[in-house]
C-alpha cells in the first residue's frame, strides 16, 4: 500500500499504525481459508493496520492490499478524512 501512495504525511513516508488482535471466522462451503479449515470456527492472531491514503489513490491501494494479503476475503475499511 505504501508503493501505491499510502502512508505519506508531510515529509514522512511509510506512516502507519498497528494494533494486535484476534480475528475470528467460519469458512463456509466452498471457502479455502489461508489458515485453519472450512466448517469450523477459527481464531487467528492478526494485526490491524491503519494508514492515510490520498483520495485519488484509494483504488490502487485497495488493489495492492488484496494482492498482498493471504486471505481470500481480507477485511478493510475506508474512512474519509475531512480536513476542516
PDB file of N, CA and C in Angstrom:
ATOM      1  N   UNK A   1       0.818  -1.180   0.000  1.00  0.00           N
ATOM      2  CA  UNK A   1       0.000   0.000   0.000  1.00  0.00           C
ATOM      3  C   UNK A   1       0.867   1.251   0.000  1.00  0.00           C
ATOM      4  N   UNK A   2       2.046   1.169   0.591  1.00  0.00           N
ATOM      5  CA  UNK A   2       2.945   2.317   0.557  1.00  0.00           C
ATOM      6  C   UNK A   2       3.393   2.604  -0.878  1.00  0.00           C
ATOM      7  N   UNK A   3       3.695   1.553  -1.632  1.00  0.00           N
ATOM      8  CA  UNK A   3       4.103   1.734  -3.021  1.00  0.00           C
ATOM      9  C   UNK A   3       2.969   2.308  -3.862  1.00  0.00           C
ATOM     10  N   UNK A   4       1.727   2.091  -3.438  1.00  0.00           N
ATOM     11  CA  UNK A   4       0.559   2.609  -4.154  1.00  0.00           C
ATOM     12  C   UNK A   4       0.234   4.045  -3.736  1.00  0.00           C
ATOM     13  N   UNK A   5       1.047   4.640  -2.868  1.00  0.00           N
ATOM     14  CA  UNK A   5       0.858   6.035  -2.487  1.00  0.00           C
ATOM     15  C   UNK A   5       0.333   6.262  -1.085  1.00  0.00           C
ATOM     16  N   UNK A   6       0.143   5.195  -0.319  1.00  0.00           N
ATOM     17  CA  UNK A   6      -0.349   5.343   1.047  1.00  0.00           C
ATOM     18  C   UNK A   6       0.771   5.648   2.026  1.00  0.00           C
ATOM     19  N   UNK A   7       0.404   6.126   3.200  1.00  0.00           N
ATOM     20  CA  UNK A   7       1.353   6.315   4.284  1.00  0.00           C
ATOM     21  C   UNK A   7       2.223   7.544   4.193  1.00  0.00           C
ATOM     22  N   UNK A   8       1.812   8.543   3.442  1.00  0.00           N
ATOM     23  CA  UNK A   8       2.615   9.767   3.331  1.00  0.00           C
ATOM     24  C   UNK A   8       1.977  10.879   4.152  1.00  0.00           C
ATOM     25  N   UNK A   9       2.753  11.435   5.075  1.00  0.00           N
ATOM     26  CA  UNK A   9       2.304  12.563   5.893  1.00  0.00           C
ATOM     27  C   UNK A   9       3.431  13.577   5.909  1.00  0.00           C
ATOM     28  N   UNK A  10       3.233  14.709   5.248  1.00  0.00           N
ATOM     29  CA  UNK A  10       4.276  15.731   5.174  1.00  0.00           C
ATOM     30  C   UNK A  10       5.541  15.171   4.553  1.00  0.00           C
ATOM     31  N   UNK A  11       6.657  15.299   5.245  1.00  0.00           N
ATOM     32  CA  UNK A  11       7.946  14.808   4.753  1.00  0.00           C
ATOM     33  C   UNK A  11       8.231  13.370   5.160  1.00  0.00           C
ATOM     34  N   UNK A  12       7.218  12.658   5.646  1.00  0.00           N
ATOM     35  CA  UNK A  12       7.394  11.277   6.107  1.00  0.00           C
ATOM     36  C   UNK A  12       6.689  10.318   5.160  1.00  0.00           C
ATOM     37  N   UNK A  13       7.259   9.125   5.021  1.00  0.00           N
ATOM     38  CA  UNK A  13       6.635   8.076   4.229  1.00  0.00           C
ATOM     39  C   UNK A  13       6.506   6.819   5.087  1.00  0.00           C
ATOM     40  N   UNK A  14       5.757   5.851   4.608  1.00  0.00           N
ATOM     41  CA  UNK A  14       5.552   4.578   5.291  1.00  0.00           C
ATOM     42  C   UNK A  14       4.946   4.763   6.683  1.00  0.00           C
ATOM     43  N   UNK A  15       4.094   5.774   6.840  1.00  0.00           N
ATOM     44  CA  UNK A  15       3.454   6.035   8.120  1.00  0.00           C
ATOM     45  C   UNK A  15       2.250   5.104   8.287  1.00  0.00           C
ATOM     46  N   UNK A  16       2.166   4.456   9.423  1.00  0.00           N
ATOM     47  CA  UNK A  16       1.042   3.572   9.697  1.00  0.00           C
ATOM     48  C   UNK A  16       0.928   3.356  11.198  1.00  0.00           C
ATOM     49  N   UNK A  17      -0.145   2.707  11.579  1.00  0.00           N
ATOM     50  CA  UNK A  17      -0.396   2.352  12.973  1.00  0.00           C
ATOM     51  C   UNK A  17      -0.822   0.896  13.004  1.00  0.00           C
ATOM     52  N   UNK A  18      -0.251   0.107  13.890  1.00  0.00           N
ATOM     53  CA  UNK A  18      -0.547  -1.320  14.015  1.00  0.00           C
ATOM     54  C   UNK A  18      -1.103  -1.613  15.403  1.00  0.00           C
ATOM     55  N   UNK A  19      -2.073  -2.518  15.475  1.00  0.00           N
ATOM     56  CA  UNK A  19      -2.595  -2.972  16.761  1.00  0.00           C
ATOM     57  C   UNK A  19      -2.877  -4.474  16.664  1.00  0.00           C
ATOM     58  N   UNK A  20      -2.377  -5.257  17.617  1.00  0.00           N
ATOM     59  CA  UNK A  20      -2.640  -6.703  17.581  1.00  0.00           C
ATOM     60  C   UNK A  20      -4.050  -7.031  18.042  1.00  0.00           C
ATOM     61  N   UNK A  21      -4.562  -8.137  17.571  1.00  0.00           N
ATOM     62  CA  UNK A  21      -5.887  -8.588  17.973  1.00  0.00           C
ATOM     63  C   UNK A  21      -6.103 -10.022  17.522  1.00  0.00           C
ATOM     64  N   UNK A  22      -7.297 -10.520  17.716  1.00  0.00           N
ATOM     65  CA  UNK A  22      -7.645 -11.879  17.310  1.00  0.00           C
ATOM     66  C   UNK A  22      -8.788 -11.817  16.312  1.00  0.00           C
ATOM     67  N   UNK A  23      -8.562 -12.333  15.119  1.00  0.00           N
ATOM     68  CA  UNK A  23      -9.606 -12.409  14.107  1.00  0.00           C
ATOM     69  C   UNK A  23     -10.327 -13.742  14.227  1.00  0.00           C
ATOM     70  N   UNK A  24     -11.631 -13.736  14.000  1.00  0.00           N
ATOM     71  CA  UNK A  24     -12.399 -14.976  14.019  1.00  0.00           C
ATOM     72  C   UNK A  24     -13.147 -15.109  12.702  1.00  0.00           C
ATOM     73  N   UNK A  25     -13.348 -16.350  12.267  1.00  0.00           N
ATOM     74  CA  UNK A  25     -14.111 -16.599  11.047  1.00  0.00           C
ATOM     75  C   UNK A  25     -14.549 -18.049  11.004  1.00  0.00           C
ATOM     76  N   UNK A  26     -15.570 -18.305  10.219  1.00  0.00           N
ATOM     77  CA  UNK A  26     -16.081 -19.651   9.983  1.00  0.00           C
ATOM     78  C   UNK A  26     -16.168 -19.805   8.476  1.00  0.00           C
ATOM     79  N   UNK A  27     -15.292 -20.609   7.911  1.00  0.00           N
ATOM     80  CA  UNK A  27     -15.290 -20.820   6.465  1.00  0.00           C
ATOM     81  C   UNK A  27     -16.436 -21.714   6.043  1.00  0.00           C
ATOM     82  N   UNK A  28     -17.313 -21.164   5.206  1.00  0.00           N
ATOM     83  CA  UNK A  28     -18.458 -21.928   4.729  1.00  0.00           C
ATOM     84  C   UNK A  28     -18.091 -22.825   3.556  1.00  0.00           C
ATOM     85  N   UNK A  29     -19.103 -23.459   2.988  1.00  0.00           N
ATOM     86  CA  UNK A  29     -18.915 -24.363   1.856  1.00  0.00           C
ATOM     87  C   UNK A  29     -18.257 -23.613   0.697  1.00  0.00           C
ATOM     88  N   UNK A  30     -17.214 -24.180   0.151  1.00  0.00           N
ATOM     89  CA  UNK A  30     -16.504 -23.571  -0.963  1.00  0.00           C
ATOM     90  C   UNK A  30     -15.386 -22.637  -0.548  1.00  0.00           C
ATOM     91  N   UNK A  31     -15.248 -22.354   0.753  1.00  0.00           N
ATOM     92  CA  UNK A  31     -14.179 -21.481   1.236  1.00  0.00           C
ATOM     93  C   UNK A  31     -12.865 -22.252   1.279  1.00  0.00           C
ATOM     94  N   UNK A  32     -11.786 -21.526   1.056  1.00  0.00           N
ATOM     95  CA  UNK A  32     -10.437 -22.095   1.166  1.00  0.00           C
ATOM     96  C   UNK A  32      -9.611 -21.185   2.064  1.00  0.00           C
ATOM     97  N   UNK A  33      -9.812 -21.264   3.370  1.00  0.00           N
ATOM     98  CA  UNK A  33      -9.110 -20.344   4.264  1.00  0.00           C
ATOM     99  C   UNK A  33      -7.595 -20.544   4.227  1.00  0.00           C
ATOM    100  N   UNK A  34      -6.874 -19.429   4.321  1.00  0.00           N
ATOM    101  CA  UNK A  34      -5.410 -19.474   4.347  1.00  0.00           C
ATOM    102  C   UNK A  34      -4.916 -20.108   5.649  1.00  0.00           C
ATOM    103  N   UNK A  35      -5.708 -20.004   6.705  1.00  0.00           N
ATOM    104  CA  UNK A  35      -5.362 -20.590   7.998  1.00  0.00           C
ATOM    105  C   UNK A  35      -6.572 -21.368   8.490  1.00  0.00           C
ATOM    106  N   UNK A  36      -6.356 -22.482   9.112  1.00  0.00           N
ATOM    107  CA  UNK A  36      -7.456 -23.292   9.618  1.00  0.00           C
ATOM    108  C   UNK A  36      -8.126 -24.067   8.496  1.00  0.00           C
ATOM    109  N   UNK A  37      -9.392 -24.407   8.720  1.00  0.00           N
ATOM    110  CA  UNK A  37     -10.107 -25.193   7.723  1.00  0.00           C
ATOM    111  C   UNK A  37     -11.572 -24.794   7.676  1.00  0.00           C
ATOM    112  N   UNK A  38     -12.212 -25.077   6.551  1.00  0.00           N
ATOM    113  CA  UNK A  38     -13.635 -24.787   6.396  1.00  0.00           C
ATOM    114  C   UNK A  38     -14.447 -25.655   7.348  1.00  0.00           C
ATOM    115  N   UNK A  39     -15.619 -25.149   7.732  1.00  0.00           N
ATOM    116  CA  UNK A  39     -16.526 -25.923   8.553  1.00  0.00           C
ATOM    117  C   UNK A  39     -16.278 -25.845  10.039  1.00  0.00           C
ATOM    118  N   UNK A  40     -15.371 -24.978  10.457  1.00  0.00           N
ATOM    119  CA  UNK A  40     -15.161 -24.787  11.892  1.00  0.00           C
ATOM    120  C   UNK A  40     -14.745 -23.353  12.159  1.00  0.00           C
ATOM    121  N   UNK A  41     -15.091 -22.877  13.351  1.00  0.00           N
ATOM    122  CA  UNK A  41     -14.699 -21.522  13.712  1.00  0.00           C
ATOM    123  C   UNK A  41     -13.211 -21.484  14.000  1.00  0.00           C
ATOM    124  N   UNK A  42     -12.554 -20.490  13.466  1.00  0.00           N
ATOM    125  CA  UNK A  42     -11.112 -20.321  13.653  1.00  0.00           C
ATOM    126  C   UNK A  42     -10.839 -18.991  14.347  1.00  0.00           C
ATOM    127  N   UNK A  43      -9.748 -18.974  15.075  1.00  0.00           N
ATOM    128  CA  UNK A  43      -9.258 -17.752  15.720  1.00  0.00           C
ATOM    129  C   UNK A  43      -7.797 -17.607  15.319  1.00  0.00           C
ATOM    130  N   UNK A  44      -7.461 -16.420  14.822  1.00  0.00           N
ATOM    131  CA  UNK A  44      -6.124 -16.192  14.279  1.00  0.00           C
ATOM    132  C   UNK A  44      -5.575 -14.873  14.827  1.00  0.00           C
ATOM    133  N   UNK A  45      -4.330 -14.892  15.284  1.00  0.00           N
ATOM    134  CA  UNK A  45      -3.663 -13.654  15.700  1.00  0.00           C
ATOM    135  C   UNK A  45      -3.468 -12.783  14.462  1.00  0.00           C
ATOM    136  N   UNK A  46      -3.910 -11.543  14.552  1.00  0.00           N
ATOM    137  CA  UNK A  46      -3.823 -10.628  13.416  1.00  0.00           C
ATOM    138  C   UNK A  46      -3.322  -9.269  13.867  1.00  0.00           C
ATOM    139  N   UNK A  47      -2.917  -8.455  12.902  1.00  0.00           N
ATOM    140  CA  UNK A  47      -2.571  -7.062  13.150  1.00  0.00           C
ATOM    141  C   UNK A  47      -3.540  -6.185  12.373  1.00  0.00           C
ATOM    142  N   UNK A  48      -4.099  -5.200  13.033  1.00  0.00           N
ATOM    143  CA  UNK A  48      -4.893  -4.188  12.344  1.00  0.00           C
ATOM    144  C   UNK A  48      -3.913  -3.090  11.926  1.00  0.00           C
ATOM    145  N   UNK A  49      -3.985  -2.696  10.682  1.00  0.00           N
ATOM    146  CA  UNK A  49      -3.082  -1.682  10.141  1.00  0.00           C
ATOM    147  C   UNK A  49      -3.918  -0.503   9.662  1.00  0.00           C
ATOM    148  N   UNK A  50      -3.521   0.685  10.056  1.00  0.00           N
ATOM    149  CA  UNK A  50      -4.173   1.903   9.590  1.00  0.00           C
ATOM    150  C   UNK A  50      -3.130   2.802   8.954  1.00  0.00           C
ATOM    151  N   UNK A  51      -3.518   3.450   7.866  1.00  0.00           N
ATOM    152  CA  UNK A  51      -2.637   4.400   7.201  1.00  0.00           C
ATOM    153  C   UNK A  51      -3.485   5.422   6.470  1.00  0.00           C
ATOM    154  N   UNK A  52      -2.883   6.508   6.052  1.00  0.00           N
ATOM    155  CA  UNK A  52      -3.584   7.514   5.269  1.00  0.00           C
ATOM    156  C   UNK A  52      -3.272   7.294   3.792  1.00  0.00           C
ATOM    157  N   UNK A  53      -4.274   7.559   2.955  1.00  0.00           N
ATOM    158  CA  UNK A  53      -4.115   7.386   1.513  1.00  0.00           C
ATOM    159  C   UNK A  53      -4.853   8.533   0.837  1.00  0.00           C
ATOM    160  N   UNK A  54      -4.198   9.257  -0.076  1.00  0.00           N
ATOM    161  CA  UNK A  54      -4.910  10.314  -0.796  1.00  0.00           C
ATOM    162  C   UNK A  54      -6.110   9.734  -1.548  1.00  0.00           C
ATOM    163  N   UNK A  55      -7.191  10.497  -1.625  1.00  0.00           N
ATOM    164  CA  UNK A  55      -8.426  10.010  -2.218  1.00  0.00           C
ATOM    165  C   UNK A  55      -8.219   9.420  -3.615  1.00  0.00           C
ATOM    166  N   UNK A  56      -7.399  10.036  -4.426  1.00  0.00           N
ATOM    167  CA  UNK A  56      -7.171   9.558  -5.786  1.00  0.00           C
ATOM    168  C   UNK A  56      -6.365   8.281  -5.882  1.00  0.00           C
ATOM    169  N   UNK A  57      -5.831   7.817  -4.764  1.00  0.00           N
ATOM    170  CA  UNK A  57      -5.000   6.603  -4.770  1.00  0.00           C
ATOM    171  C   UNK A  57      -5.633   5.449  -3.998  1.00  0.00           C
ATOM    172  N   UNK A  58      -6.862   5.643  -3.525  1.00  0.00           N
ATOM    173  CA  UNK A  58      -7.509   4.602  -2.720  1.00  0.00           C
ATOM    174  C   UNK A  58      -7.692   3.316  -3.515  1.00  0.00           C
ATOM    175  N   UNK A  59      -8.201   3.422  -4.731  1.00  0.00           N
ATOM    176  CA  UNK A  59      -8.452   2.214  -5.530  1.00  0.00           C
ATOM    177  C   UNK A  59      -7.165   1.400  -5.711  1.00  0.00           C
ATOM    178  N   UNK A  60      -6.058   2.054  -6.056  1.00  0.00           N
ATOM    179  CA  UNK A  60      -4.791   1.353  -6.230  1.00  0.00           C
ATOM    180  C   UNK A  60      -4.284   0.731  -4.945  1.00  0.00           C
ATOM    181  N   UNK A  61      -4.497   1.420  -3.823  1.00  0.00           N
ATOM    182  CA  UNK A  61      -4.063   0.882  -2.531  1.00  0.00           C
ATOM    183  C   UNK A  61      -4.884  -0.348  -2.149  1.00  0.00           C
ATOM    184  N   UNK A  62      -6.190  -0.324  -2.433  1.00  0.00           N
ATOM    185  CA  UNK A  62      -7.039  -1.484  -2.133  1.00  0.00           C
ATOM    186  C   UNK A  62      -6.622  -2.672  -3.012  1.00  0.00           C
ATOM    187  N   UNK A  63      -6.323  -2.417  -4.266  1.00  0.00           N
ATOM    188  CA  UNK A  63      -5.845  -3.490  -5.147  1.00  0.00           C
ATOM    189  C   UNK A  63      -4.545  -4.066  -4.598  1.00  0.00           C
ATOM    190  N   UNK A  64      -3.620  -3.203  -4.179  1.00  0.00           N
ATOM    191  CA  UNK A  64      -2.348  -3.663  -3.615  1.00  0.00           C
ATOM    192  C   UNK A  64      -2.575  -4.490  -2.351  1.00  0.00           C
ATOM    193  N   UNK A  65      -3.480  -4.041  -1.488  1.00  0.00           N
ATOM    194  CA  UNK A  65      -3.794  -4.780  -0.264  1.00  0.00           C
ATOM    195  C   UNK A  65      -4.312  -6.177  -0.604  1.00  0.00           C
ATOM    196  N   UNK A  66      -5.268  -6.262  -1.518  1.00  0.00           N
ATOM    197  CA  UNK A  66      -5.882  -7.543  -1.859  1.00  0.00           C
ATOM    198  C   UNK A  66      -4.869  -8.490  -2.511  1.00  0.00           C
ATOM    199  N   UNK A  67      -3.960  -7.956  -3.314  1.00  0.00           N
ATOM    200  CA  UNK A  67      -2.941  -8.804  -3.952  1.00  0.00           C
ATOM    201  C   UNK A  67      -1.920  -9.327  -2.943  1.00  0.00           C
ATOM    202  N   UNK A  68      -1.601  -8.525  -1.932  1.00  0.00           N
ATOM    203  CA  UNK A  68      -0.574  -8.904  -0.959  1.00  0.00           C
ATOM    204  C   UNK A  68      -1.113  -9.752   0.191  1.00  0.00           C
ATOM    205  N   UNK A  69      -2.398  -9.648   0.482  1.00  0.00           N
ATOM    206  CA  UNK A  69      -2.975 -10.300   1.661  1.00  0.00           C
ATOM    207  C   UNK A  69      -3.220 -11.786   1.391  1.00  0.00           C
ATOM    208  N   UNK A  70      -2.916 -12.659   2.359  1.00  0.00           N
ATOM    209  CA  UNK A  70      -3.104 -14.102   2.138  1.00  0.00           C
ATOM    210  C   UNK A  70      -4.568 -14.563   2.199  1.00  0.00           C
ATOM    211  N   UNK A  71      -5.457 -13.760   2.771  1.00  0.00           N
ATOM    212  CA  UNK A  71      -6.852 -14.186   2.909  1.00  0.00           C
ATOM    213  C   UNK A  71      -7.603 -14.081   1.583  1.00  0.00           C
ATOM    214  N   UNK A  72      -8.580 -14.970   1.385  1.00  0.00           N
ATOM    215  CA  UNK A  72      -9.457 -14.888   0.213  1.00  0.00           C
ATOM    216  C   UNK A  72     -10.235 -13.580   0.219  1.00  0.00           C
ATOM    217  N   UNK A  73     -10.726 -13.214   1.387  1.00  0.00           N
ATOM    218  CA  UNK A  73     -11.563 -12.023   1.556  1.00  0.00           C
ATOM    219  C   UNK A  73     -11.023 -11.166   2.702  1.00  0.00           C
ATOM    220  N   UNK A  74      -9.955 -10.404   2.463  1.00  0.00           N
ATOM    221  CA  UNK A  74      -9.452  -9.569   3.557  1.00  0.00           C
ATOM    222  C   UNK A  74     -10.465  -8.485   3.912  1.00  0.00           C
ATOM    223  N   UNK A  75     -10.591  -8.216   5.189  1.00  0.00           N
ATOM    224  CA  UNK A  75     -11.487  -7.158   5.656  1.00  0.00           C
ATOM    225  C   UNK A  75     -10.721  -5.839   5.658  1.00  0.00           C
ATOM    226  N   UNK A  76     -11.360  -4.800   5.151  1.00  0.00           N
ATOM    227  CA  UNK A  76     -10.748  -3.479   5.196  1.00  0.00           C
ATOM    228  C   UNK A  76     -11.853  -2.436   5.221  1.00  0.00           C
ATOM    229  N   UNK A  77     -11.517  -1.273   5.739  1.00  0.00           N
ATOM    230  CA  UNK A  77     -12.439  -0.140   5.801  1.00  0.00           C
ATOM    231  C   UNK A  77     -11.749   1.062   5.170  1.00  0.00           C
ATOM    232  N   UNK A  78     -12.528   1.932   4.565  1.00  0.00           N
ATOM    233  CA  UNK A  78     -12.029   3.200   4.048  1.00  0.00           C
ATOM    234  C   UNK A  78     -12.854   4.313   4.694  1.00  0.00           C
ATOM    235  N   UNK A  79     -12.191   5.174   5.437  1.00  0.00           N
ATOM    236  CA  UNK A  79     -12.855   6.279   6.097  1.00  0.00           C
ATOM    237  C   UNK A  79     -12.377   7.588   5.474  1.00  0.00           C
ATOM    238  N   UNK A  80     -13.306   8.468   5.130  1.00  0.00           N
ATOM    239  CA  UNK A  80     -12.870   9.765   4.597  1.00  0.00           C
ATOM    240  C   UNK A  80     -12.280  10.630   5.716  1.00  0.00           C
ATOM    241  N   UNK A  81     -11.258  11.366   5.385  1.00  0.00           N
ATOM    242  CA  UNK A  81     -10.638  12.291   6.322  1.00  0.00           C
ATOM    243  C   UNK A  81     -11.050  13.695   5.900  1.00  0.00           C
ATOM    244  N   UNK A  82     -11.786  14.381   6.749  1.00  0.00           N
ATOM    245  CA  UNK A  82     -12.276  15.701   6.434  1.00  0.00           C
ATOM    246  C   UNK A  82     -11.381  16.743   7.102  1.00  0.00           C
ATOM    247  N   UNK A  83     -10.645  17.459   6.318  1.00  0.00           N
ATOM    248  CA  UNK A  83      -9.735  18.494   6.825  1.00  0.00           C
ATOM    249  C   UNK A  83     -10.462  19.821   6.796  1.00  0.00           C
ATOM    250  N   UNK A  84     -10.966  20.243   7.950  1.00  0.00           N
ATOM    251  CA  UNK A  84     -11.755  21.473   8.003  1.00  0.00           C
ATOM    252  C   UNK A  84     -11.067  22.529   8.789  1.00  0.00           C
TER     253      UNK A  84
END
